Amino acid sequence: MILSSPLALGALGPQEIILIFLVLFLLVIPLLVVFLVVKLLRKKPPTPSQQQPPMTRPSPESRLAEIERLKAAGVISEQEYQTKRAEILAEI
């Protein structure tokens, strides 16, 4: 069945179709841009529960225990152990 409505695309010539798409393009794209900009500007800052807790440094005691464990397991050498131990003790 052929539509006889003047709005049917078959009744429009190529120039009219291009004009319709051009008008839609010029209206829709700016509206989308405005919508996205407004949405981004309204973005709320994260609540305290969503924020990551501040990084806390392990205590010197736990750091010393960790390097002792690594030395006992053979992961670090005696020299590496002594160097790191001296660094930790110097920070106290």
C-alpha atoms as a PDB file:
ATOM      1  CA  MET A   1       0.000   0.000   0.000  1.00  0.00           C
ATOM      2  CA  ILE A   2       1.402   3.370  -1.007  1.00  0.00           C
ATOM      3  CA  LEU A   3       0.923   6.207   1.447  1.00  0.00           C
ATOM      4  CA  SER A   4      -0.569   9.288  -0.123  1.00  0.00           C
ATOM      5  CA  SER A   5       0.297  11.545   2.803  1.00  0.00           C
ATOM      6  CA  PRO A   6       2.553  14.464   1.953  1.00  0.00           C
ATOM      7  CA  LEU A   7       4.729  13.413   4.900  1.00  0.00           C
ATOM      8  CA  ALA A   8       5.529  10.062   3.319  1.00  0.00           C
ATOM      9  CA  LEU A   9       9.169   9.968   2.271  1.00  0.00           C
ATOM     10  CA  GLY A  10       8.217   8.708  -1.164  1.00  0.00           C
ATOM     11  CA  ALA A  11       6.326  11.934  -1.842  1.00  0.00           C
ATOM     12  CA  LEU A  12       9.351  14.074  -1.012  1.00  0.00           C
ATOM     13  CA  GLY A  13      12.156  14.793  -3.382  1.00  0.00           C
ATOM     14  CA  PRO A  14      15.818  14.363  -2.521  1.00  0.00           C
ATOM     15  CA  GLN A  15      16.243  18.052  -1.722  1.00  0.00           C
ATOM     16  CA  GLU A  16      13.375  18.037   0.760  1.00  0.00           C
ATOM     17  CA  ILE A  17      14.700  14.904   2.457  1.00  0.00           C
ATOM     18  CA  ILE A  18      18.164  16.457   2.755  1.00  0.00           C
ATOM     19  CA  LEU A  19      16.604  19.638   4.153  1.00  0.00           C
ATOM     20  CA  ILE A  20      14.629  17.663   6.773  1.00  0.00           C
ATOM     21  CA  PHE A  21      17.706  15.751   7.884  1.00  0.00           C
ATOM     22  CA  LEU A  22      19.771  18.935   7.962  1.00  0.00           C
ATOM     23  CA  VAL A  23      17.216  20.710  10.152  1.00  0.00           C
ATOM     24  CA  LEU A  24      16.956  17.704  12.464  1.00  0.00           C
ATOM     25  CA  PHE A  25      20.737  17.491  12.657  1.00  0.00           C
ATOM     26  CA  LEU A  26      21.078  21.194  13.452  1.00  0.00           C
ATOM     27  CA  LEU A  27      18.428  20.963  16.178  1.00  0.00           C
ATOM     28  CA  VAL A  28      19.154  17.600  17.750  1.00  0.00           C
ATOM     29  CA  ILE A  29      22.947  17.736  18.028  1.00  0.00           C
ATOM     30  CA  PRO A  30      23.083  21.059  19.934  1.00  0.00           C
ATOM     31  CA  LEU A  31      20.324  19.844  22.251  1.00  0.00           C
ATOM     32  CA  LEU A  32      22.267  16.665  22.974  1.00  0.00           C
ATOM     33  CA  VAL A  33      25.417  18.668  23.665  1.00  0.00           C
ATOM     34  CA  VAL A  34      23.557  20.990  26.040  1.00  0.00           C
ATOM     35  CA  PHE A  35      21.952  18.003  27.787  1.00  0.00           C
ATOM     36  CA  LEU A  36      25.327  16.287  28.297  1.00  0.00           C
ATOM     37  CA  VAL A  37      27.040  19.461  29.519  1.00  0.00           C
ATOM     38  CA  VAL A  38      24.251  20.139  32.022  1.00  0.00           C
ATOM     39  CA  LYS A  39      24.371  16.538  33.197  1.00  0.00           C
ATOM     40  CA  LEU A  40      28.154  16.708  33.702  1.00  0.00           C
ATOM     41  CA  LEU A  41      27.933  20.020  35.549  1.00  0.00           C
ATOM     42  CA  ARG A  42      25.269  18.659  37.903  1.00  0.00           C
ATOM     43  CA  LYS A  43      27.393  15.676  38.844  1.00  0.00           C
ATOM     44  CA  LYS A  44      27.607  15.569  42.619  1.00  0.00           C
ATOM     45  CA  PRO A  45      30.917  15.130  44.395  1.00  0.00           C
ATOM     46  CA  PRO A  46      31.368  11.727  45.988  1.00  0.00           C
ATOM     47  CA  THR A  47      29.987  11.314  49.480  1.00  0.00           C
ATOM     48  CA  PRO A  48      32.432  10.494  52.289  1.00  0.00           C
ATOM     49  CA  SER A  49      31.378   6.840  52.159  1.00  0.00           C
ATOM     50  CA  GLN A  50      32.288   6.699  48.443  1.00  0.00           C
ATOM     51  CA  GLN A  51      35.696   8.311  48.935  1.00  0.00           C
ATOM     52  CA  GLN A  52      38.691   6.115  49.479  1.00  0.00           C
ATOM     53  CA  PRO A  53      40.124   6.208  52.976  1.00  0.00           C
ATOM     54  CA  PRO A  54      43.438   8.017  53.296  1.00  0.00           C
ATOM     55  CA  MET A  55      46.478   5.862  52.849  1.00  0.00           C
ATOM     56  CA  THR A  56      47.982   4.975  56.199  1.00  0.00           C
ATOM     57  CA  ARG A  57      51.528   3.792  56.490  1.00  0.00           C
ATOM     58  CA  PRO A  58      52.104   0.593  58.443  1.00  0.00           C
ATOM     59  CA  SER A  59      53.774   1.028  61.823  1.00  0.00           C
ATOM     60  CA  PRO A  60      57.541   0.634  62.042  1.00  0.00           C
ATOM     61  CA  GLU A  61      57.025  -2.520  64.112  1.00  0.00           C
ATOM     62  CA  SER A  62      54.923  -4.166  61.414  1.00  0.00           C
ATOM     63  CA  ARG A  63      57.360  -3.084  58.705  1.00  0.00           C
ATOM     64  CA  LEU A  64      60.281  -4.544  60.654  1.00  0.00           C
ATOM     65  CA  ALA A  65      58.340  -7.771  61.177  1.00  0.00           C
ATOM     66  CA  GLU A  66      57.607  -7.931  57.460  1.00  0.00           C
ATOM     67  CA  ILE A  67      61.236  -7.569  56.387  1.00  0.00           C
ATOM     68  CA  GLU A  68      62.227 -10.170  59.002  1.00  0.00           C
ATOM     69  CA  ARG A  69      59.661 -12.527  57.495  1.00  0.00           C
ATOM     70  CA  LEU A  70      60.983 -11.858  53.989  1.00  0.00           C
ATOM     71  CA  LYS A  71      64.560 -12.505  55.133  1.00  0.00           C
ATOM     72  CA  ALA A  72      63.552 -15.757  56.874  1.00  0.00           C
ATOM     73  CA  ALA A  73      61.751 -16.889  53.719  1.00  0.00           C
ATOM     74  CA  GLY A  74      64.836 -16.145  51.627  1.00  0.00           C
ATOM     75  CA  VAL A  75      63.107 -13.480  49.549  1.00  0.00           C
ATOM     76  CA  ILE A  76      65.630 -10.792  50.504  1.00  0.00           C
ATOM     77  CA  SER A  77      69.313 -11.080  51.338  1.00  0.00           C
ATOM     78  CA  GLU A  78      70.963 -10.175  54.642  1.00  0.00           C
ATOM     79  CA  GLN A  79      72.347  -6.994  53.069  1.00  0.00           C
ATOM     80  CA  GLU A  80      68.896  -5.947  51.773  1.00  0.00           C
ATOM     81  CA  TYR A  81      67.444  -6.713  55.200  1.00  0.00           C
ATOM     82  CA  GLN A  82      70.047  -4.587  56.992  1.00  0.00           C
ATOM     83  CA  THR A  83      69.604  -1.695  54.530  1.00  0.00           C
ATOM     84  CA  LYS A  84      65.822  -1.660  54.833  1.00  0.00           C
ATOM     85  CA  ARG A  85      65.997  -2.109  58.629  1.00  0.00           C
ATOM     86  CA  ALA A  86      68.283   0.927  58.879  1.00  0.00           C
ATOM     87  CA  GLU A  87      65.852   2.987  56.744  1.00  0.00           C
ATOM     88  CA  ILE A  88      62.897   2.041  58.943  1.00  0.00           C
ATOM     89  CA  LEU A  89      64.779   2.778  62.162  1.00  0.00           C
ATOM     90  CA  ALA A  90      65.971   6.140  60.787  1.00  0.00           C
ATOM     91  CA  GLU A  91      62.353   7.200  60.232  1.00  0.00           C
ATOM     92  CA  ILE A  92      61.454   6.695  63.910  1.00  0.00           C
END
